[in-house]
Amino acid sequence: MSEFYGKSERLLGKVLSLANTLPNGAIIFLDEIDSFAAARDNEMHEATRRI
């Protein structure tokens, strides 16, 4: 997670796009997935919800 608005979303998109272009595919390990997939609620900041 980045402290800059939209940076984490952009980096994750780049990783997934790169993995999609590899001829043999890719396995992507996400350490501490709960930071990306936390329960969403109305009190969460929009930048965090967008991930």
N, C-alpha and C. Protein backbone atom coordinates (compact mmCIF):
# COMPACT_ATOMS: atom_id res chain seq x y z
N MET A 1 0.84 -1.16 0.00
CA MET A 1 0.00 0.00 0.00
C MET A 1 0.89 1.24 0.00
N SER A 2 0.51 2.22 -0.77
CA SER A 2 1.27 3.45 -0.85
C SER A 2 0.52 4.58 -0.17
N GLU A 3 1.28 5.54 0.31
CA GLU A 3 0.65 6.69 0.94
C GLU A 3 0.15 7.69 -0.09
N PHE A 4 0.49 7.52 -1.35
CA PHE A 4 0.08 8.44 -2.39
C PHE A 4 -1.21 7.98 -3.05
N TYR A 5 -2.14 8.89 -3.24
CA TYR A 5 -3.45 8.61 -3.80
C TYR A 5 -3.32 7.95 -5.18
N GLY A 6 -3.86 6.76 -5.33
CA GLY A 6 -3.89 6.08 -6.61
C GLY A 6 -2.65 5.29 -6.98
N LYS A 7 -1.57 5.44 -6.22
CA LYS A 7 -0.32 4.76 -6.59
C LYS A 7 -0.43 3.24 -6.44
N SER A 8 -1.01 2.78 -5.35
CA SER A 8 -1.15 1.33 -5.14
C SER A 8 -2.02 0.70 -6.23
N GLU A 9 -3.11 1.38 -6.57
CA GLU A 9 -4.00 0.88 -7.62
C GLU A 9 -3.26 0.79 -8.95
N ARG A 10 -2.48 1.81 -9.26
CA ARG A 10 -1.74 1.85 -10.52
C ARG A 10 -0.68 0.74 -10.56
N LEU A 11 0.05 0.55 -9.46
CA LEU A 11 1.09 -0.48 -9.42
C LEU A 11 0.50 -1.89 -9.53
N LEU A 12 -0.61 -2.13 -8.85
CA LEU A 12 -1.26 -3.43 -8.95
C LEU A 12 -1.73 -3.68 -10.38
N GLY A 13 -2.26 -2.67 -11.03
CA GLY A 13 -2.68 -2.79 -12.43
C GLY A 13 -1.52 -3.12 -13.35
N LYS A 14 -0.36 -2.50 -13.10
CA LYS A 14 0.83 -2.78 -13.91
C LYS A 14 1.30 -4.22 -13.74
N VAL A 15 1.28 -4.70 -12.50
CA VAL A 15 1.70 -6.08 -12.23
C VAL A 15 0.77 -7.06 -12.94
N LEU A 16 -0.53 -6.84 -12.84
CA LEU A 16 -1.49 -7.74 -13.48
C LEU A 16 -1.39 -7.67 -15.01
N SER A 17 -1.16 -6.48 -15.56
CA SER A 17 -1.00 -6.34 -17.01
C SER A 17 0.25 -7.06 -17.49
N LEU A 18 1.34 -6.92 -16.75
CA LEU A 18 2.58 -7.62 -17.11
C LEU A 18 2.38 -9.12 -17.06
N ALA A 19 1.75 -9.62 -16.03
CA ALA A 19 1.50 -11.06 -15.91
C ALA A 19 0.65 -11.56 -17.06
N ASN A 20 -0.27 -10.74 -17.53
CA ASN A 20 -1.16 -11.12 -18.63
C ASN A 20 -0.41 -11.22 -19.95
N THR A 21 0.70 -10.51 -20.10
CA THR A 21 1.45 -10.53 -21.36
C THR A 21 2.48 -11.65 -21.44
N LEU A 22 2.79 -12.28 -20.33
CA LEU A 22 3.80 -13.34 -20.33
C LEU A 22 3.27 -14.59 -21.03
N PRO A 23 4.06 -15.17 -21.93
CA PRO A 23 3.58 -16.30 -22.72
C PRO A 23 3.23 -17.54 -21.89
N ASN A 24 3.91 -17.76 -20.79
CA ASN A 24 3.65 -18.94 -19.96
C ASN A 24 2.80 -18.63 -18.75
N GLY A 25 2.26 -17.43 -18.69
CA GLY A 25 1.45 -17.04 -17.54
C GLY A 25 2.34 -16.68 -16.36
N ALA A 26 1.72 -16.46 -15.24
CA ALA A 26 2.47 -16.08 -14.04
C ALA A 26 1.67 -16.43 -12.80
N ILE A 27 2.39 -16.66 -11.74
CA ILE A 27 1.78 -16.82 -10.42
C ILE A 27 2.17 -15.59 -9.62
N ILE A 28 1.19 -14.90 -9.09
CA ILE A 28 1.44 -13.68 -8.33
C ILE A 28 1.09 -13.95 -6.87
N PHE A 29 2.06 -13.77 -6.01
CA PHE A 29 1.85 -13.95 -4.57
C PHE A 29 1.59 -12.59 -3.94
N LEU A 30 0.49 -12.47 -3.25
CA LEU A 30 0.16 -11.23 -2.55
C LEU A 30 0.32 -11.47 -1.06
N ASP A 31 1.35 -10.89 -0.49
CA ASP A 31 1.59 -11.02 0.95
C ASP A 31 0.64 -10.07 1.69
N GLU A 32 0.07 -10.54 2.76
CA GLU A 32 -0.86 -9.76 3.56
C GLU A 32 -2.04 -9.27 2.72
N ILE A 33 -2.74 -10.20 2.10
CA ILE A 33 -3.87 -9.88 1.22
C ILE A 33 -4.94 -9.06 1.93
N ASP A 34 -5.01 -9.15 3.24
CA ASP A 34 -6.03 -8.40 3.97
C ASP A 34 -5.85 -6.89 3.81
N SER A 35 -4.65 -6.43 3.50
CA SER A 35 -4.46 -5.00 3.25
C SER A 35 -5.09 -4.59 1.93
N PHE A 36 -5.21 -5.53 0.99
CA PHE A 36 -5.87 -5.25 -0.28
C PHE A 36 -7.35 -5.55 -0.24
N ALA A 37 -7.71 -6.61 0.47
CA ALA A 37 -9.09 -7.10 0.44
C ALA A 37 -9.79 -6.94 1.78
N ALA A 38 -9.58 -5.83 2.41
CA ALA A 38 -10.23 -5.58 3.70
C ALA A 38 -11.74 -5.40 3.49
N ALA A 39 -12.50 -5.64 4.53
CA ALA A 39 -13.94 -5.43 4.46
C ALA A 39 -14.22 -3.97 4.13
N ARG A 40 -15.10 -3.72 3.20
CA ARG A 40 -15.40 -2.36 2.77
C ARG A 40 -16.57 -1.80 3.56
N ASP A 41 -16.47 -0.53 3.93
CA ASP A 41 -17.58 0.14 4.59
C ASP A 41 -17.58 1.62 4.19
N ASN A 42 -18.57 2.34 4.63
CA ASN A 42 -18.71 3.75 4.25
C ASN A 42 -17.68 4.65 4.90
N GLU A 43 -17.04 4.20 5.95
CA GLU A 43 -16.06 5.02 6.64
C GLU A 43 -14.68 4.92 6.01
N MET A 44 -14.49 4.01 5.07
CA MET A 44 -13.20 3.81 4.42
C MET A 44 -12.96 4.91 3.40
N HIS A 45 -11.73 5.39 3.31
CA HIS A 45 -11.36 6.42 2.35
C HIS A 45 -11.50 5.88 0.92
N GLU A 46 -11.90 6.72 -0.01
CA GLU A 46 -12.14 6.28 -1.39
C GLU A 46 -10.91 5.66 -2.02
N ALA A 47 -9.72 6.21 -1.77
CA ALA A 47 -8.50 5.66 -2.36
C ALA A 47 -8.28 4.22 -1.91
N THR A 48 -8.62 3.91 -0.67
CA THR A 48 -8.49 2.55 -0.16
C THR A 48 -9.54 1.65 -0.77
N ARG A 49 -10.76 2.14 -0.94
CA ARG A 49 -11.84 1.34 -1.53
C ARG A 49 -11.54 0.95 -2.97
N ARG A 50 -10.83 1.79 -3.71
CA ARG A 50 -10.58 1.55 -5.13
C ARG A 50 -9.67 0.37 -5.37
N ILE A 51 -8.84 0.02 -4.40
CA ILE A 51 -7.98 -1.15 -4.53
C ILE A 51 -8.87 -2.35 -4.53
